[in-house]
């Protein structure tokens, strides 16, 4: 394969990536975002955690870097 052929293939792949990124971005715009209320409704009756259980998990997790 010649250098020009490889460069042509790279350019083609870059263009394909740009098209796929544009498609993804467009499809993400059409999906409504879920709210915290939606999450609570989805999990209603599915999960029962006490405040102590939640705190225990939070204390085990390393703090997020700022």
PDB file of N, CA and C in Angstrom:
ATOM      1  N   UNK A   1       0.831  -1.187   0.000  1.00  0.00           N
ATOM      2  CA  UNK A   1       0.000   0.000   0.000  1.00  0.00           C
ATOM      3  C   UNK A   1       0.866   1.237   0.000  1.00  0.00           C
ATOM      4  N   UNK A   2       0.488   2.177  -0.802  1.00  0.00           N
ATOM      5  CA  UNK A   2       1.253   3.409  -0.860  1.00  0.00           C
ATOM      6  C   UNK A   2       0.821   4.382   0.227  1.00  0.00           C
ATOM      7  N   UNK A   3       1.661   5.347   0.455  1.00  0.00           N
ATOM      8  CA  UNK A   3       1.409   6.371   1.462  1.00  0.00           C
ATOM      9  C   UNK A   3       0.112   7.125   1.171  1.00  0.00           C
ATOM     10  N   UNK A   4      -0.129   7.437  -0.095  1.00  0.00           N
ATOM     11  CA  UNK A   4      -1.345   8.159  -0.481  1.00  0.00           C
ATOM     12  C   UNK A   4      -2.593   7.327  -0.185  1.00  0.00           C
ATOM     13  N   UNK A   5      -2.508   6.029  -0.379  1.00  0.00           N
ATOM     14  CA  UNK A   5      -3.635   5.141  -0.116  1.00  0.00           C
ATOM     15  C   UNK A   5      -3.965   5.107   1.376  1.00  0.00           C
ATOM     16  N   UNK A   6      -2.926   5.048   2.185  1.00  0.00           N
ATOM     17  CA  UNK A   6      -3.128   5.025   3.643  1.00  0.00           C
ATOM     18  C   UNK A   6      -3.725   6.346   4.108  1.00  0.00           C
ATOM     19  N   UNK A   7      -3.216   7.452   3.591  1.00  0.00           N
ATOM     20  CA  UNK A   7      -3.745   8.766   3.955  1.00  0.00           C
ATOM     21  C   UNK A   7      -5.211   8.888   3.533  1.00  0.00           C
ATOM     22  N   UNK A   8      -5.540   8.348   2.395  1.00  0.00           N
ATOM     23  CA  UNK A   8      -6.911   8.384   1.907  1.00  0.00           C
ATOM     24  C   UNK A   8      -7.840   7.575   2.828  1.00  0.00           C
ATOM     25  N   UNK A   9      -7.360   6.417   3.264  1.00  0.00           N
ATOM     26  CA  UNK A   9      -8.156   5.587   4.169  1.00  0.00           C
ATOM     27  C   UNK A   9      -8.362   6.286   5.509  1.00  0.00           C
ATOM     28  N   UNK A  10      -7.314   6.939   6.003  1.00  0.00           N
ATOM     29  CA  UNK A  10      -7.419   7.667   7.271  1.00  0.00           C
ATOM     30  C   UNK A  10      -8.447   8.786   7.142  1.00  0.00           C
ATOM     31  N   UNK A  11      -8.391   9.517   6.049  1.00  0.00           N
ATOM     32  CA  UNK A  11      -9.336  10.618   5.820  1.00  0.00           C
ATOM     33  C   UNK A  11     -10.763  10.076   5.756  1.00  0.00           C
ATOM     34  N   UNK A  12     -10.941   8.947   5.082  1.00  0.00           N
ATOM     35  CA  UNK A  12     -12.259   8.331   4.984  1.00  0.00           C
ATOM     36  C   UNK A  12     -12.783   7.926   6.359  1.00  0.00           C
ATOM     37  N   UNK A  13     -11.920   7.333   7.176  1.00  0.00           N
ATOM     38  CA  UNK A  13     -12.320   6.926   8.527  1.00  0.00           C
ATOM     39  C   UNK A  13     -12.657   8.135   9.394  1.00  0.00           C
ATOM     40  N   UNK A  14     -11.893   9.213   9.249  1.00  0.00           N
ATOM     41  CA  UNK A  14     -12.177  10.425  10.013  1.00  0.00           C
ATOM     42  C   UNK A  14     -13.541  10.999   9.645  1.00  0.00           C
ATOM     43  N   UNK A  15     -13.863  10.987   8.364  1.00  0.00           N
ATOM     44  CA  UNK A  15     -15.163  11.478   7.918  1.00  0.00           C
ATOM     45  C   UNK A  15     -16.298  10.593   8.435  1.00  0.00           C
ATOM     46  N   UNK A  16     -16.079   9.274   8.425  1.00  0.00           N
ATOM     47  CA  UNK A  16     -17.081   8.355   8.957  1.00  0.00           C
ATOM     48  C   UNK A  16     -17.309   8.604  10.446  1.00  0.00           C
ATOM     49  N   UNK A  17     -16.238   8.861  11.192  1.00  0.00           N
ATOM     50  CA  UNK A  17     -16.359   9.168  12.612  1.00  0.00           C
ATOM     51  C   UNK A  17     -17.140  10.449  12.843  1.00  0.00           C
ATOM     52  N   UNK A  18     -16.876  11.462  12.028  1.00  0.00           N
ATOM     53  CA  UNK A  18     -17.606  12.717  12.164  1.00  0.00           C
ATOM     54  C   UNK A  18     -19.102  12.505  11.933  1.00  0.00           C
ATOM     55  N   UNK A  19     -19.433  11.699  10.933  1.00  0.00           N
ATOM     56  CA  UNK A  19     -20.842  11.421  10.653  1.00  0.00           C
ATOM     57  C   UNK A  19     -21.493  10.651  11.804  1.00  0.00           C
ATOM     58  N   UNK A  20     -20.793   9.670  12.336  1.00  0.00           N
ATOM     59  CA  UNK A  20     -21.333   8.899  13.450  1.00  0.00           C
ATOM     60  C   UNK A  20     -21.506   9.764  14.691  1.00  0.00           C
ATOM     61  N   UNK A  21     -20.556  10.655  14.959  1.00  0.00           N
ATOM     62  CA  UNK A  21     -20.674  11.562  16.099  1.00  0.00           C
ATOM     63  C   UNK A  21     -21.871  12.495  15.931  1.00  0.00           C
ATOM     64  N   UNK A  22     -22.085  12.978  14.726  1.00  0.00           N
ATOM     65  CA  UNK A  22     -23.230  13.852  14.456  1.00  0.00           C
ATOM     66  C   UNK A  22     -24.546  13.098  14.658  1.00  0.00           C
ATOM     67  N   UNK A  23     -24.606  11.847  14.197  1.00  0.00           N
ATOM     68  CA  UNK A  23     -25.805  11.033  14.400  1.00  0.00           C
ATOM     69  C   UNK A  23     -26.074  10.817  15.877  1.00  0.00           C
ATOM     70  N   UNK A  24     -25.021  10.504  16.615  1.00  0.00           N
ATOM     71  CA  UNK A  24     -25.153  10.262  18.048  1.00  0.00           C
ATOM     72  C   UNK A  24     -25.641  11.510  18.757  1.00  0.00           C
ATOM     73  N   UNK A  25     -25.060  12.638  18.434  1.00  0.00           N
ATOM     74  CA  UNK A  25     -25.451  13.894  19.054  1.00  0.00           C
ATOM     75  C   UNK A  25     -26.915  14.212  18.754  1.00  0.00           C
ATOM     76  N   UNK A  26     -27.333  13.974  17.523  1.00  0.00           N
ATOM     77  CA  UNK A  26     -28.719  14.235  17.146  1.00  0.00           C
ATOM     78  C   UNK A  26     -29.671  13.310  17.895  1.00  0.00           C
ATOM     79  N   UNK A  27     -29.306  12.033  18.030  1.00  0.00           N
ATOM     80  CA  UNK A  27     -30.188  11.093  18.720  1.00  0.00           C
ATOM     81  C   UNK A  27     -30.236  11.392  20.213  1.00  0.00           C
ATOM     82  N   UNK A  28     -29.143  11.882  20.796  1.00  0.00           N
ATOM     83  CA  UNK A  28     -29.136  12.244  22.213  1.00  0.00           C
ATOM     84  C   UNK A  28     -30.034  13.432  22.480  1.00  0.00           C
ATOM     85  N   UNK A  29     -30.172  14.324  21.531  1.00  0.00           N
ATOM     86  CA  UNK A  29     -31.028  15.500  21.700  1.00  0.00           C
ATOM     87  C   UNK A  29     -32.496  15.108  21.719  1.00  0.00           C
ATOM     88  N   UNK A  30     -32.847  14.001  21.084  1.00  0.00           N
ATOM     89  CA  UNK A  30     -34.232  13.577  21.009  1.00  0.00           C
ATOM     90  C   UNK A  30     -34.684  12.780  22.234  1.00  0.00           C
ATOM     91  N   UNK A  31     -33.737  12.367  23.075  1.00  0.00           N
ATOM     92  CA  UNK A  31     -34.062  11.568  24.251  1.00  0.00           C
ATOM     93  C   UNK A  31     -34.294  12.515  25.430  1.00  0.00           C
ATOM     94  N   UNK A  32     -35.499  12.472  26.007  1.00  0.00           N
ATOM     95  CA  UNK A  32     -35.748  13.358  27.149  1.00  0.00           C
ATOM     96  C   UNK A  32     -34.919  12.925  28.359  1.00  0.00           C
ATOM     97  N   UNK A  33     -34.412  13.878  29.085  1.00  0.00           N
ATOM     98  CA  UNK A  33     -33.608  13.600  30.273  1.00  0.00           C
ATOM     99  C   UNK A  33     -34.530  13.156  31.412  1.00  0.00           C
ATOM    100  N   UNK A  34     -34.044  12.219  32.210  1.00  0.00           N
ATOM    101  CA  UNK A  34     -34.786  11.753  33.368  1.00  0.00           C
ATOM    102  C   UNK A  34     -34.505  12.673  34.542  1.00  0.00           C
ATOM    103  N   UNK A  35     -35.532  12.933  35.343  1.00  0.00           N
ATOM    104  CA  UNK A  35     -35.355  13.749  36.540  1.00  0.00           C
ATOM    105  C   UNK A  35     -35.226  12.836  37.752  1.00  0.00           C
ATOM    106  N   UNK A  36     -34.892  13.416  38.877  1.00  0.00           N
ATOM    107  CA  UNK A  36     -34.791  12.639  40.109  1.00  0.00           C
ATOM    108  C   UNK A  36     -36.159  12.061  40.460  1.00  0.00           C
ATOM    109  N   UNK A  37     -37.215  12.828  40.192  1.00  0.00           N
ATOM    110  CA  UNK A  37     -38.567  12.334  40.443  1.00  0.00           C
ATOM    111  C   UNK A  37     -38.884  11.107  39.599  1.00  0.00           C
ATOM    112  N   UNK A  38     -38.427  11.099  38.355  1.00  0.00           N
ATOM    113  CA  UNK A  38     -38.626   9.926  37.491  1.00  0.00           C
ATOM    114  C   UNK A  38     -37.935   8.709  38.083  1.00  0.00           C
ATOM    115  N   UNK A  39     -36.712   8.906  38.577  1.00  0.00           N
ATOM    116  CA  UNK A  39     -35.957   7.814  39.171  1.00  0.00           C
ATOM    117  C   UNK A  39     -36.673   7.265  40.400  1.00  0.00           C
ATOM    118  N   UNK A  40     -37.154   8.150  41.228  1.00  0.00           N
ATOM    119  CA  UNK A  40     -37.883   7.699  42.424  1.00  0.00           C
ATOM    120  C   UNK A  40     -39.117   6.910  42.022  1.00  0.00           C
ATOM    121  N   UNK A  41     -39.811   7.356  40.991  1.00  0.00           N
ATOM    122  CA  UNK A  41     -40.988   6.636  40.524  1.00  0.00           C
ATOM    123  C   UNK A  41     -40.638   5.271  39.965  1.00  0.00           C
ATOM    124  N   UNK A  42     -39.542   5.173  39.258  1.00  0.00           N
ATOM    125  CA  UNK A  42     -39.109   3.908  38.672  1.00  0.00           C
ATOM    126  C   UNK A  42     -38.733   2.909  39.763  1.00  0.00           C
ATOM    127  N   UNK A  43     -38.082   3.407  40.815  1.00  0.00           N
ATOM    128  CA  UNK A  43     -37.598   2.526  41.880  1.00  0.00           C
ATOM    129  C   UNK A  43     -38.614   2.290  42.995  1.00  0.00           C
ATOM    130  N   UNK A  44     -39.775   2.957  42.921  1.00  0.00           N
ATOM    131  CA  UNK A  44     -40.769   2.820  43.983  1.00  0.00           C
ATOM    132  C   UNK A  44     -41.156   1.353  44.161  1.00  0.00           C
ATOM    133  N   UNK A  45     -41.036   0.879  45.389  1.00  0.00           N
ATOM    134  CA  UNK A  45     -41.384  -0.499  45.692  1.00  0.00           C
ATOM    135  C   UNK A  45     -40.315  -1.509  45.309  1.00  0.00           C
ATOM    136  N   UNK A  46     -39.232  -1.069  44.692  1.00  0.00           N
ATOM    137  CA  UNK A  46     -38.166  -1.964  44.253  1.00  0.00           C
ATOM    138  C   UNK A  46     -37.022  -2.021  45.257  1.00  0.00           C
ATOM    139  N   UNK A  47     -36.741  -0.883  45.869  1.00  0.00           N
ATOM    140  CA  UNK A  47     -35.576  -0.780  46.733  1.00  0.00           C
ATOM    141  C   UNK A  47     -35.999  -0.199  48.074  1.00  0.00           C
ATOM    142  N   UNK A  48     -35.557  -0.833  49.128  1.00  0.00           N
ATOM    143  CA  UNK A  48     -35.811  -0.297  50.457  1.00  0.00           C
ATOM    144  C   UNK A  48     -34.482  -0.205  51.186  1.00  0.00           C
ATOM    145  N   UNK A  49     -33.984   1.008  51.353  1.00  0.00           N
ATOM    146  CA  UNK A  49     -32.725   1.229  52.037  1.00  0.00           C
ATOM    147  C   UNK A  49     -32.963   2.234  53.151  1.00  0.00           C
ATOM    148  N   UNK A  50     -32.397   1.939  54.305  1.00  0.00           N
ATOM    149  CA  UNK A  50     -32.505   2.880  55.405  1.00  0.00           C
ATOM    150  C   UNK A  50     -31.455   3.960  55.234  1.00  0.00           C
ATOM    151  N   UNK A  51     -31.637   5.042  55.962  1.00  0.00           N
ATOM    152  CA  UNK A  51     -30.670   6.127  55.895  1.00  0.00           C
ATOM    153  C   UNK A  51     -29.301   5.649  56.378  1.00  0.00           C
ATOM    154  N   UNK A  52     -29.288   4.767  57.364  1.00  0.00           N
ATOM    155  CA  UNK A  52     -28.030   4.231  57.878  1.00  0.00           C
ATOM    156  C   UNK A  52     -27.303   3.405  56.816  1.00  0.00           C
ATOM    157  N   UNK A  53     -28.048   2.609  56.051  1.00  0.00           N
ATOM    158  CA  UNK A  53     -27.434   1.805  54.985  1.00  0.00           C
ATOM    159  C   UNK A  53     -26.830   2.702  53.901  1.00  0.00           C
ATOM    160  N   UNK A  54     -27.536   3.743  53.557  1.00  0.00           N
ATOM    161  CA  UNK A  54     -27.035   4.686  52.548  1.00  0.00           C
ATOM    162  C   UNK A  54     -25.782   5.370  53.061  1.00  0.00           C
ATOM    163  N   UNK A  55     -25.807   5.824  54.333  1.00  0.00           N
ATOM    164  CA  UNK A  55     -24.628   6.474  54.911  1.00  0.00           C
ATOM    165  C   UNK A  55     -23.437   5.529  54.943  1.00  0.00           C
ATOM    166  N   UNK A  56     -23.673   4.250  55.260  1.00  0.00           N
ATOM    167  CA  UNK A  56     -22.580   3.274  55.320  1.00  0.00           C
ATOM    168  C   UNK A  56     -21.895   3.150  53.970  1.00  0.00           C
ATOM    169  N   UNK A  57     -22.668   3.155  52.902  1.00  0.00           N
ATOM    170  CA  UNK A  57     -22.092   3.069  51.561  1.00  0.00           C
ATOM    171  C   UNK A  57     -21.331   4.350  51.224  1.00  0.00           C
ATOM    172  N   UNK A  58     -21.904   5.485  51.584  1.00  0.00           N
ATOM    173  CA  UNK A  58     -21.230   6.758  51.298  1.00  0.00           C
ATOM    174  C   UNK A  58     -19.891   6.858  52.008  1.00  0.00           C
ATOM    175  N   UNK A  59     -19.817   6.364  53.228  1.00  0.00           N
ATOM    176  CA  UNK A  59     -18.568   6.454  53.979  1.00  0.00           C
ATOM    177  C   UNK A  59     -17.508   5.495  53.453  1.00  0.00           C
ATOM    178  N   UNK A  60     -17.917   4.433  52.787  1.00  0.00           N
ATOM    179  CA  UNK A  60     -16.951   3.477  52.222  1.00  0.00           C
ATOM    180  C   UNK A  60     -16.358   3.976  50.926  1.00  0.00           C
ATOM    181  N   UNK A  61     -17.070   4.844  50.237  1.00  0.00           N
ATOM    182  CA  UNK A  61     -16.618   5.333  48.934  1.00  0.00           C
ATOM    183  C   UNK A  61     -15.554   6.406  49.129  1.00  0.00           C
ATOM    184  N   UNK A  62     -14.494   6.380  48.306  1.00  0.00           N
ATOM    185  CA  UNK A  62     -13.485   7.439  48.393  1.00  0.00           C
ATOM    186  C   UNK A  62     -14.085   8.762  47.928  1.00  0.00           C
ATOM    187  N   UNK A  63     -13.663   9.855  48.505  1.00  0.00           N
ATOM    188  CA  UNK A  63     -14.205  11.161  48.078  1.00  0.00           C
ATOM    189  C   UNK A  63     -13.816  11.455  46.633  1.00  0.00           C
ATOM    190  N   UNK A  64     -14.710  12.151  45.950  1.00  0.00           N
ATOM    191  CA  UNK A  64     -14.437  12.515  44.555  1.00  0.00           C
ATOM    192  C   UNK A  64     -13.424  13.646  44.512  1.00  0.00           C
ATOM    193  N   UNK A  65     -12.474  13.593  43.591  1.00  0.00           N
ATOM    194  CA  UNK A  65     -11.502  14.687  43.479  1.00  0.00           C
ATOM    195  C   UNK A  65     -12.193  15.961  43.001  1.00  0.00           C
ATOM    196  N   UNK A  66     -11.736  17.059  43.531  1.00  0.00           N
ATOM    197  CA  UNK A  66     -12.354  18.352  43.154  1.00  0.00           C
ATOM    198  C   UNK A  66     -11.586  19.023  42.066  1.00  0.00           C
TER     199      UNK A  66
END
